[in-house]
């Protein structure tokens, strides 16, 4: 968003990469936060959406547990972002 606001020809998408989902997040609050960002006229899409069950063993995420709870939270996040995209008519 910072880059998009600073330059006339740069636009943004807003979203949470699935691997960054936090199991403790309250998704309703996250949806409100994403929506607040998404209504900016420089935002053109919701993303990055999807599922990511890869174990990033050589990164700061090496201690993540890709278990059922983590996968379910990713699915909830994916659904939330898809719903927001539909609601705001964004790709």
PDB file of N, CA and C in Angstrom:
ATOM      1  N   UNK A   1       0.823  -1.184   0.000  1.00  0.00           N
ATOM      2  CA  UNK A   1       0.000   0.000   0.000  1.00  0.00           C
ATOM      3  C   UNK A   1       0.867   1.247   0.000  1.00  0.00           C
ATOM      4  N   UNK A   2       1.951   1.185   0.732  1.00  0.00           N
ATOM      5  CA  UNK A   2       2.835   2.350   0.800  1.00  0.00           C
ATOM      6  C   UNK A   2       3.382   2.700  -0.577  1.00  0.00           C
ATOM      7  N   UNK A   3       3.819   1.685  -1.306  1.00  0.00           N
ATOM      8  CA  UNK A   3       4.335   1.915  -2.659  1.00  0.00           C
ATOM      9  C   UNK A   3       3.233   2.414  -3.584  1.00  0.00           C
ATOM     10  N   UNK A   4       2.075   1.824  -3.501  1.00  0.00           N
ATOM     11  CA  UNK A   4       0.952   2.212  -4.362  1.00  0.00           C
ATOM     12  C   UNK A   4       0.539   3.656  -4.094  1.00  0.00           C
ATOM     13  N   UNK A   5       0.550   4.048  -2.856  1.00  0.00           N
ATOM     14  CA  UNK A   5       0.188   5.431  -2.517  1.00  0.00           C
ATOM     15  C   UNK A   5       1.234   6.424  -3.001  1.00  0.00           C
ATOM     16  N   UNK A   6       2.473   5.969  -3.080  1.00  0.00           N
ATOM     17  CA  UNK A   6       3.577   6.867  -3.426  1.00  0.00           C
ATOM     18  C   UNK A   6       3.758   7.085  -4.918  1.00  0.00           C
ATOM     19  N   UNK A   7       3.271   6.154  -5.732  1.00  0.00           N
ATOM     20  CA  UNK A   7       3.514   6.233  -7.177  1.00  0.00           C
ATOM     21  C   UNK A   7       2.203   6.120  -7.942  1.00  0.00           C
ATOM     22  N   UNK A   8       2.052   6.970  -8.908  1.00  0.00           N
ATOM     23  CA  UNK A   8       0.811   7.058  -9.678  1.00  0.00           C
ATOM     24  C   UNK A   8       0.482   5.770 -10.421  1.00  0.00           C
ATOM     25  N   UNK A   9       1.462   5.074 -10.965  1.00  0.00           N
ATOM     26  CA  UNK A   9       1.220   3.906 -11.805  1.00  0.00           C
ATOM     27  C   UNK A   9       1.396   2.570 -11.086  1.00  0.00           C
ATOM     28  N   UNK A  10       1.433   2.588  -9.784  1.00  0.00           N
ATOM     29  CA  UNK A  10       1.554   1.342  -9.018  1.00  0.00           C
ATOM     30  C   UNK A  10       0.255   1.120  -8.250  1.00  0.00           C
ATOM     31  N   UNK A  11      -0.241  -0.120  -8.319  1.00  0.00           N
ATOM     32  CA  UNK A  11      -1.471  -0.507  -7.630  1.00  0.00           C
ATOM     33  C   UNK A  11      -1.152  -1.676  -6.702  1.00  0.00           C
ATOM     34  N   UNK A  12      -2.094  -2.028  -5.861  1.00  0.00           N
ATOM     35  CA  UNK A  12      -1.826  -3.043  -4.843  1.00  0.00           C
ATOM     36  C   UNK A  12      -2.935  -4.068  -4.764  1.00  0.00           C
ATOM     37  N   UNK A  13      -2.564  -5.213  -4.223  1.00  0.00           N
ATOM     38  CA  UNK A  13      -3.545  -6.184  -3.770  1.00  0.00           C
ATOM     39  C   UNK A  13      -3.346  -6.286  -2.262  1.00  0.00           C
ATOM     40  N   UNK A  14      -4.397  -6.630  -1.552  1.00  0.00           N
ATOM     41  CA  UNK A  14      -4.277  -6.808  -0.104  1.00  0.00           C
ATOM     42  C   UNK A  14      -4.734  -8.209   0.256  1.00  0.00           C
ATOM     43  N   UNK A  15      -4.034  -8.797   1.186  1.00  0.00           N
ATOM     44  CA  UNK A  15      -4.376 -10.140   1.616  1.00  0.00           C
ATOM     45  C   UNK A  15      -3.291 -10.688   2.510  1.00  0.00           C
ATOM     46  N   UNK A  16      -3.483 -11.924   2.920  1.00  0.00           N
ATOM     47  CA  UNK A  16      -2.535 -12.605   3.787  1.00  0.00           C
ATOM     48  C   UNK A  16      -2.116 -13.894   3.103  1.00  0.00           C
ATOM     49  N   UNK A  17      -0.806 -14.049   2.899  1.00  0.00           N
ATOM     50  CA  UNK A  17      -0.305 -15.309   2.337  1.00  0.00           C
ATOM     51  C   UNK A  17      -0.677 -16.432   3.303  1.00  0.00           C
ATOM     52  N   UNK A  18      -1.124 -17.561   2.783  1.00  0.00           N
ATOM     53  CA  UNK A  18      -1.614 -18.633   3.660  1.00  0.00           C
ATOM     54  C   UNK A  18      -0.599 -19.124   4.687  1.00  0.00           C
ATOM     55  N   UNK A  19       0.669 -19.057   4.369  1.00  0.00           N
ATOM     56  CA  UNK A  19       1.657 -19.562   5.330  1.00  0.00           C
ATOM     57  C   UNK A  19       1.817 -18.611   6.517  1.00  0.00           C
ATOM     58  N   UNK A  20       1.320 -17.400   6.377  1.00  0.00           N
ATOM     59  CA  UNK A  20       1.431 -16.433   7.462  1.00  0.00           C
ATOM     60  C   UNK A  20       0.224 -16.427   8.384  1.00  0.00           C
ATOM     61  N   UNK A  21      -0.700 -17.340   8.158  1.00  0.00           N
ATOM     62  CA  UNK A  21      -1.878 -17.405   9.023  1.00  0.00           C
ATOM     63  C   UNK A  21      -1.438 -17.724  10.447  1.00  0.00           C
ATOM     64  N   UNK A  22      -2.063 -17.056  11.380  1.00  0.00           N
ATOM     65  CA  UNK A  22      -1.772 -17.294  12.782  1.00  0.00           C
ATOM     66  C   UNK A  22      -2.979 -17.992  13.381  1.00  0.00           C
ATOM     67  N   UNK A  23      -2.757 -19.111  14.011  1.00  0.00           N
ATOM     68  CA  UNK A  23      -3.838 -19.922  14.539  1.00  0.00           C
ATOM     69  C   UNK A  23      -4.664 -19.144  15.574  1.00  0.00           C
ATOM     70  N   UNK A  24      -4.066 -18.141  16.211  1.00  0.00           N
ATOM     71  CA  UNK A  24      -4.754 -17.370  17.248  1.00  0.00           C
ATOM     72  C   UNK A  24      -5.557 -16.201  16.686  1.00  0.00           C
ATOM     73  N   UNK A  25      -5.452 -15.921  15.403  1.00  0.00           N
ATOM     74  CA  UNK A  25      -6.175 -14.789  14.813  1.00  0.00           C
ATOM     75  C   UNK A  25      -7.677 -14.952  14.949  1.00  0.00           C
ATOM     76  N   UNK A  26      -8.332 -13.841  15.170  1.00  0.00           N
ATOM     77  CA  UNK A  26      -9.788 -13.794  15.068  1.00  0.00           C
ATOM     78  C   UNK A  26     -10.076 -13.352  13.640  1.00  0.00           C
ATOM     79  N   UNK A  27     -10.587 -14.253  12.833  1.00  0.00           N
ATOM     80  CA  UNK A  27     -10.735 -13.968  11.411  1.00  0.00           C
ATOM     81  C   UNK A  27     -11.718 -12.844  11.127  1.00  0.00           C
ATOM     82  N   UNK A  28     -12.707 -12.634  11.982  1.00  0.00           N
ATOM     83  CA  UNK A  28     -13.645 -11.535  11.753  1.00  0.00           C
ATOM     84  C   UNK A  28     -12.920 -10.190  11.836  1.00  0.00           C
ATOM     85  N   UNK A  29     -11.986 -10.061  12.768  1.00  0.00           N
ATOM     86  CA  UNK A  29     -11.212  -8.823  12.882  1.00  0.00           C
ATOM     87  C   UNK A  29     -10.263  -8.666  11.697  1.00  0.00           C
ATOM     88  N   UNK A  30      -9.707  -9.773  11.247  1.00  0.00           N
ATOM     89  CA  UNK A  30      -8.827  -9.723  10.087  1.00  0.00           C
ATOM     90  C   UNK A  30      -9.598  -9.282   8.846  1.00  0.00           C
ATOM     91  N   UNK A  31     -10.804  -9.803   8.680  1.00  0.00           N
ATOM     92  CA  UNK A  31     -11.617  -9.416   7.526  1.00  0.00           C
ATOM     93  C   UNK A  31     -11.892  -7.916   7.551  1.00  0.00           C
ATOM     94  N   UNK A  32     -12.208  -7.378   8.714  1.00  0.00           N
ATOM     95  CA  UNK A  32     -12.450  -5.944   8.836  1.00  0.00           C
ATOM     96  C   UNK A  32     -11.203  -5.143   8.459  1.00  0.00           C
ATOM     97  N   UNK A  33     -10.044  -5.607   8.907  1.00  0.00           N
ATOM     98  CA  UNK A  33      -8.789  -4.908   8.610  1.00  0.00           C
ATOM     99  C   UNK A  33      -8.473  -4.954   7.112  1.00  0.00           C
ATOM    100  N   UNK A  34      -8.656  -6.120   6.497  1.00  0.00           N
ATOM    101  CA  UNK A  34      -8.409  -6.238   5.062  1.00  0.00           C
ATOM    102  C   UNK A  34      -9.391  -5.380   4.264  1.00  0.00           C
ATOM    103  N   UNK A  35     -10.637  -5.372   4.689  1.00  0.00           N
ATOM    104  CA  UNK A  35     -11.647  -4.578   3.989  1.00  0.00           C
ATOM    105  C   UNK A  35     -11.315  -3.093   4.085  1.00  0.00           C
ATOM    106  N   UNK A  36     -10.854  -2.647   5.236  1.00  0.00           N
ATOM    107  CA  UNK A  36     -10.475  -1.240   5.413  1.00  0.00           C
ATOM    108  C   UNK A  36      -9.351  -0.861   4.445  1.00  0.00           C
ATOM    109  N   UNK A  37      -8.422  -1.768   4.216  1.00  0.00           N
ATOM    110  CA  UNK A  37      -7.354  -1.514   3.244  1.00  0.00           C
ATOM    111  C   UNK A  37      -7.880  -1.598   1.816  1.00  0.00           C
ATOM    112  N   UNK A  38      -8.751  -2.546   1.572  1.00  0.00           N
ATOM    113  CA  UNK A  38      -9.195  -2.853   0.215  1.00  0.00           C
ATOM    114  C   UNK A  38     -10.051  -1.767  -0.418  1.00  0.00           C
ATOM    115  N   UNK A  39     -10.680  -0.929   0.377  1.00  0.00           N
ATOM    116  CA  UNK A  39     -11.543   0.097  -0.204  1.00  0.00           C
ATOM    117  C   UNK A  39     -10.752   1.290  -0.744  1.00  0.00           C
ATOM    118  N   UNK A  40      -9.447   1.281  -0.580  1.00  0.00           N
ATOM    119  CA  UNK A  40      -8.596   2.318  -1.146  1.00  0.00           C
ATOM    120  C   UNK A  40      -8.630   2.228  -2.662  1.00  0.00           C
ATOM    121  N   UNK A  41      -8.659   3.364  -3.356  1.00  0.00           N
ATOM    122  CA  UNK A  41      -8.757   3.337  -4.820  1.00  0.00           C
ATOM    123  C   UNK A  41      -7.503   2.807  -5.507  1.00  0.00           C
ATOM    124  N   UNK A  42      -6.430   2.588  -4.773  1.00  0.00           N
ATOM    125  CA  UNK A  42      -5.215   2.018  -5.351  1.00  0.00           C
ATOM    126  C   UNK A  42      -5.202   0.488  -5.266  1.00  0.00           C
ATOM    127  N   UNK A  43      -6.181  -0.094  -4.596  1.00  0.00           N
ATOM    128  CA  UNK A  43      -6.265  -1.553  -4.472  1.00  0.00           C
ATOM    129  C   UNK A  43      -7.095  -2.101  -5.618  1.00  0.00           C
ATOM    130  N   UNK A  44      -6.560  -3.123  -6.277  1.00  0.00           N
ATOM    131  CA  UNK A  44      -7.226  -3.687  -7.451  1.00  0.00           C
ATOM    132  C   UNK A  44      -7.537  -5.174  -7.311  1.00  0.00           C
ATOM    133  N   UNK A  45      -7.134  -5.808  -6.200  1.00  0.00           N
ATOM    134  CA  UNK A  45      -7.355  -7.252  -6.044  1.00  0.00           C
ATOM    135  C   UNK A  45      -7.191  -7.653  -4.584  1.00  0.00           C
ATOM    136  N   UNK A  46      -7.725  -8.826  -4.280  1.00  0.00           N
ATOM    137  CA  UNK A  46      -7.497  -9.468  -2.984  1.00  0.00           C
ATOM    138  C   UNK A  46      -6.492 -10.588  -3.226  1.00  0.00           C
ATOM    139  N   UNK A  47      -5.444 -10.621  -2.463  1.00  0.00           N
ATOM    140  CA  UNK A  47      -4.448 -11.669  -2.637  1.00  0.00           C
ATOM    141  C   UNK A  47      -3.282 -11.417  -1.697  1.00  0.00           C
ATOM    142  N   UNK A  48      -2.526 -12.364  -1.397  1.00  0.00           N
ATOM    143  CA  UNK A  48      -2.300 -13.610  -2.106  1.00  0.00           C
ATOM    144  C   UNK A  48      -3.096 -14.702  -1.410  1.00  0.00           C
ATOM    145  N   UNK A  49      -3.991 -15.304  -2.121  1.00  0.00           N
ATOM    146  CA  UNK A  49      -4.893 -16.310  -1.561  1.00  0.00           C
ATOM    147  C   UNK A  49      -4.470 -17.710  -1.978  1.00  0.00           C
ATOM    148  N   UNK A  50      -4.807 -18.662  -1.148  1.00  0.00           N
ATOM    149  CA  UNK A  50      -4.538 -20.048  -1.494  1.00  0.00           C
ATOM    150  C   UNK A  50      -4.249 -20.873  -0.259  1.00  0.00           C
ATOM    151  N   UNK A  51      -3.665 -22.028  -0.492  1.00  0.00           N
ATOM    152  CA  UNK A  51      -3.258 -22.938   0.575  1.00  0.00           C
ATOM    153  C   UNK A  51      -1.776 -23.233   0.386  1.00  0.00           C
ATOM    154  N   UNK A  52      -1.034 -23.318   1.487  1.00  0.00           N
ATOM    155  CA  UNK A  52       0.404 -23.559   1.409  1.00  0.00           C
ATOM    156  C   UNK A  52       0.798 -24.457   2.570  1.00  0.00           C
ATOM    157  N   UNK A  53       1.005 -25.720   2.264  1.00  0.00           N
ATOM    158  CA  UNK A  53       1.354 -26.693   3.302  1.00  0.00           C
ATOM    159  C   UNK A  53       2.830 -27.080   3.248  1.00  0.00           C
ATOM    160  N   UNK A  54       3.616 -26.337   2.502  1.00  0.00           N
ATOM    161  CA  UNK A  54       5.041 -26.627   2.367  1.00  0.00           C
ATOM    162  C   UNK A  54       5.756 -26.343   3.683  1.00  0.00           C
ATOM    163  N   UNK A  55       6.713 -27.173   4.022  1.00  0.00           N
ATOM    164  CA  UNK A  55       7.539 -26.947   5.213  1.00  0.00           C
ATOM    165  C   UNK A  55       8.770 -26.142   4.800  1.00  0.00           C
ATOM    166  N   UNK A  56       8.844 -24.921   5.263  1.00  0.00           N
ATOM    167  CA  UNK A  56       9.963 -24.039   4.925  1.00  0.00           C
ATOM    168  C   UNK A  56      11.086 -24.254   5.937  1.00  0.00           C
ATOM    169  N   UNK A  57      11.837 -25.335   5.785  1.00  0.00           N
ATOM    170  CA  UNK A  57      12.816 -25.749   6.785  1.00  0.00           C
ATOM    171  C   UNK A  57      14.045 -24.850   6.846  1.00  0.00           C
ATOM    172  N   UNK A  58      14.282 -24.067   5.826  1.00  0.00           N
ATOM    173  CA  UNK A  58      15.466 -23.195   5.812  1.00  0.00           C
ATOM    174  C   UNK A  58      15.102 -21.721   5.951  1.00  0.00           C
ATOM    175  N   UNK A  59      14.004 -21.448   6.598  1.00  0.00           N
ATOM    176  CA  UNK A  59      13.545 -20.071   6.758  1.00  0.00           C
ATOM    177  C   UNK A  59      13.154 -19.821   8.208  1.00  0.00           C
ATOM    178  N   UNK A  60      12.698 -18.612   8.462  1.00  0.00           N
ATOM    179  CA  UNK A  60      12.233 -18.270   9.809  1.00  0.00           C
ATOM    180  C   UNK A  60      10.994 -19.053  10.209  1.00  0.00           C
ATOM    181  N   UNK A  61      10.372 -19.741   9.261  1.00  0.00           N
ATOM    182  CA  UNK A  61       9.157 -20.516   9.531  1.00  0.00           C
ATOM    183  C   UNK A  61       9.457 -21.993   9.798  1.00  0.00           C
ATOM    184  N   UNK A  62      10.695 -22.320  10.024  1.00  0.00           N
ATOM    185  CA  UNK A  62      11.092 -23.729  10.165  1.00  0.00           C
ATOM    186  C   UNK A  62      10.417 -24.437  11.331  1.00  0.00           C
ATOM    187  N   UNK A  63       9.948 -23.687  12.318  1.00  0.00           N
ATOM    188  CA  UNK A  63       9.304 -24.300  13.480  1.00  0.00           C
ATOM    189  C   UNK A  63       7.793 -24.417  13.338  1.00  0.00           C
ATOM    190  N   UNK A  64       7.244 -23.962  12.217  1.00  0.00           N
ATOM    191  CA  UNK A  64       5.800 -24.086  11.993  1.00  0.00           C
ATOM    192  C   UNK A  64       5.428 -25.557  11.939  1.00  0.00           C
ATOM    193  N   UNK A  65       4.297 -25.857  12.479  1.00  0.00           N
ATOM    194  CA  UNK A  65       3.764 -27.217  12.422  1.00  0.00           C
ATOM    195  C   UNK A  65       2.631 -27.227  11.404  1.00  0.00           C
ATOM    196  N   UNK A  66       2.817 -27.973  10.343  1.00  0.00           N
ATOM    197  CA  UNK A  66       1.772 -28.080   9.326  1.00  0.00           C
ATOM    198  C   UNK A  66       0.879 -29.247   9.738  1.00  0.00           C
ATOM    199  N   UNK A  67       0.021 -28.951  10.701  1.00  0.00           N
ATOM    200  CA  UNK A  67      -0.880 -29.961  11.233  1.00  0.00           C
ATOM    201  C   UNK A  67      -2.317 -29.636  10.830  1.00  0.00           C
ATOM    202  N   UNK A  68      -3.251 -30.405  11.320  1.00  0.00           N
ATOM    203  CA  UNK A  68      -4.665 -30.223  10.968  1.00  0.00           C
ATOM    204  C   UNK A  68      -5.160 -28.823  11.333  1.00  0.00           C
ATOM    205  N   UNK A  69      -4.789 -28.332  12.508  1.00  0.00           N
ATOM    206  CA  UNK A  69      -5.237 -27.008  12.946  1.00  0.00           C
ATOM    207  C   UNK A  69      -4.716 -25.915  12.008  1.00  0.00           C
ATOM    208  N   UNK A  70      -3.443 -26.002  11.635  1.00  0.00           N
ATOM    209  CA  UNK A  70      -2.839 -25.033  10.716  1.00  0.00           C
ATOM    210  C   UNK A  70      -3.522 -25.091   9.351  1.00  0.00           C
ATOM    211  N   UNK A  71      -3.773 -26.285   8.859  1.00  0.00           N
ATOM    212  CA  UNK A  71      -4.448 -26.441   7.563  1.00  0.00           C
ATOM    213  C   UNK A  71      -5.877 -25.898   7.616  1.00  0.00           C
ATOM    214  N   UNK A  72      -6.584 -26.186   8.682  1.00  0.00           N
ATOM    215  CA  UNK A  72      -7.960 -25.686   8.810  1.00  0.00           C
ATOM    216  C   UNK A  72      -8.002 -24.170   8.880  1.00  0.00           C
ATOM    217  N   UNK A  73      -7.049 -23.565   9.577  1.00  0.00           N
ATOM    218  CA  UNK A  73      -7.008 -22.107   9.669  1.00  0.00           C
ATOM    219  C   UNK A  73      -6.697 -21.506   8.291  1.00  0.00           C
ATOM    220  N   UNK A  74      -5.820 -22.155   7.529  1.00  0.00           N
ATOM    221  CA  UNK A  74      -5.541 -21.689   6.169  1.00  0.00           C
ATOM    222  C   UNK A  74      -6.803 -21.745   5.317  1.00  0.00           C
ATOM    223  N   UNK A  75      -7.571 -22.814   5.448  1.00  0.00           N
ATOM    224  CA  UNK A  75      -8.814 -22.939   4.680  1.00  0.00           C
ATOM    225  C   UNK A  75      -9.801 -21.836   5.056  1.00  0.00           C
ATOM    226  N   UNK A  76      -9.894 -21.533   6.355  1.00  0.00           N
ATOM    227  CA  UNK A  76     -10.774 -20.450   6.803  1.00  0.00           C
ATOM    228  C   UNK A  76     -10.315 -19.110   6.223  1.00  0.00           C
ATOM    229  N   UNK A  77      -9.001 -18.873   6.252  1.00  0.00           N
ATOM    230  CA  UNK A  77      -8.443 -17.634   5.700  1.00  0.00           C
ATOM    231  C   UNK A  77      -8.705 -17.536   4.201  1.00  0.00           C
ATOM    232  N   UNK A  78      -8.532 -18.627   3.493  1.00  0.00           N
ATOM    233  CA  UNK A  78      -8.778 -18.669   2.054  1.00  0.00           C
ATOM    234  C   UNK A  78     -10.239 -18.303   1.760  1.00  0.00           C
ATOM    235  N   UNK A  79     -11.145 -18.930   2.487  1.00  0.00           N
ATOM    236  CA  UNK A  79     -12.575 -18.655   2.304  1.00  0.00           C
ATOM    237  C   UNK A  79     -12.893 -17.191   2.605  1.00  0.00           C
ATOM    238  N   UNK A  80     -12.331 -16.679   3.686  1.00  0.00           N
ATOM    239  CA  UNK A  80     -12.558 -15.280   4.055  1.00  0.00           C
ATOM    240  C   UNK A  80     -12.128 -14.344   2.931  1.00  0.00           C
ATOM    241  N   UNK A  81     -10.945 -14.589   2.366  1.00  0.00           N
ATOM    242  CA  UNK A  81     -10.437 -13.711   1.318  1.00  0.00           C
ATOM    243  C   UNK A  81     -11.236 -13.854   0.025  1.00  0.00           C
ATOM    244  N   UNK A  82     -11.699 -15.057  -0.276  1.00  0.00           N
ATOM    245  CA  UNK A  82     -12.561 -15.241  -1.446  1.00  0.00           C
ATOM    246  C   UNK A  82     -13.881 -14.496  -1.266  1.00  0.00           C
ATOM    247  N   UNK A  83     -14.459 -14.599  -0.085  1.00  0.00           N
ATOM    248  CA  UNK A  83     -15.708 -13.893   0.192  1.00  0.00           C
ATOM    249  C   UNK A  83     -15.527 -12.383   0.083  1.00  0.00           C
ATOM    250  N   UNK A  84     -14.413 -11.881   0.586  1.00  0.00           N
ATOM    251  CA  UNK A  84     -14.139 -10.455   0.508  1.00  0.00           C
ATOM    252  C   UNK A  84     -13.966 -10.014  -0.943  1.00  0.00           C
ATOM    253  N   UNK A  85     -13.295 -10.814  -1.735  1.00  0.00           N
ATOM    254  CA  UNK A  85     -13.115 -10.492  -3.152  1.00  0.00           C
ATOM    255  C   UNK A  85     -14.462 -10.423  -3.865  1.00  0.00           C
ATOM    256  N   UNK A  86     -15.335 -11.374  -3.585  1.00  0.00           N
ATOM    257  CA  UNK A  86     -16.667 -11.365  -4.192  1.00  0.00           C
ATOM    258  C   UNK A  86     -17.452 -10.141  -3.726  1.00  0.00           C
ATOM    259  N   UNK A  87     -17.414  -9.887  -2.427  1.00  0.00           N
ATOM    260  CA  UNK A  87     -18.141  -8.754  -1.854  1.00  0.00           C
ATOM    261  C   UNK A  87     -17.724  -7.420  -2.485  1.00  0.00           C
ATOM    262  N   UNK A  88     -16.423  -7.266  -2.731  1.00  0.00           N
ATOM    263  CA  UNK A  88     -15.898  -6.007  -3.266  1.00  0.00           C
ATOM    264  C   UNK A  88     -15.712  -6.030  -4.785  1.00  0.00           C
ATOM    265  N   UNK A  89     -16.086  -7.151  -5.402  1.00  0.00           N
ATOM    266  CA  UNK A  89     -15.957  -7.330  -6.852  1.00  0.00           C
ATOM    267  C   UNK A  89     -14.512  -7.186  -7.341  1.00  0.00           C
ATOM    268  N   UNK A  90     -13.609  -7.844  -6.611  1.00  0.00           N
ATOM    269  CA  UNK A  90     -12.183  -7.868  -6.954  1.00  0.00           C
ATOM    270  C   UNK A  90     -11.780  -9.271  -7.400  1.00  0.00           C
ATOM    271  N   UNK A  91     -10.770  -9.337  -8.249  1.00  0.00           N
ATOM    272  CA  UNK A  91     -10.200 -10.663  -8.543  1.00  0.00           C
ATOM    273  C   UNK A  91      -9.482 -11.206  -7.312  1.00  0.00           C
TER     274      UNK A  91
END
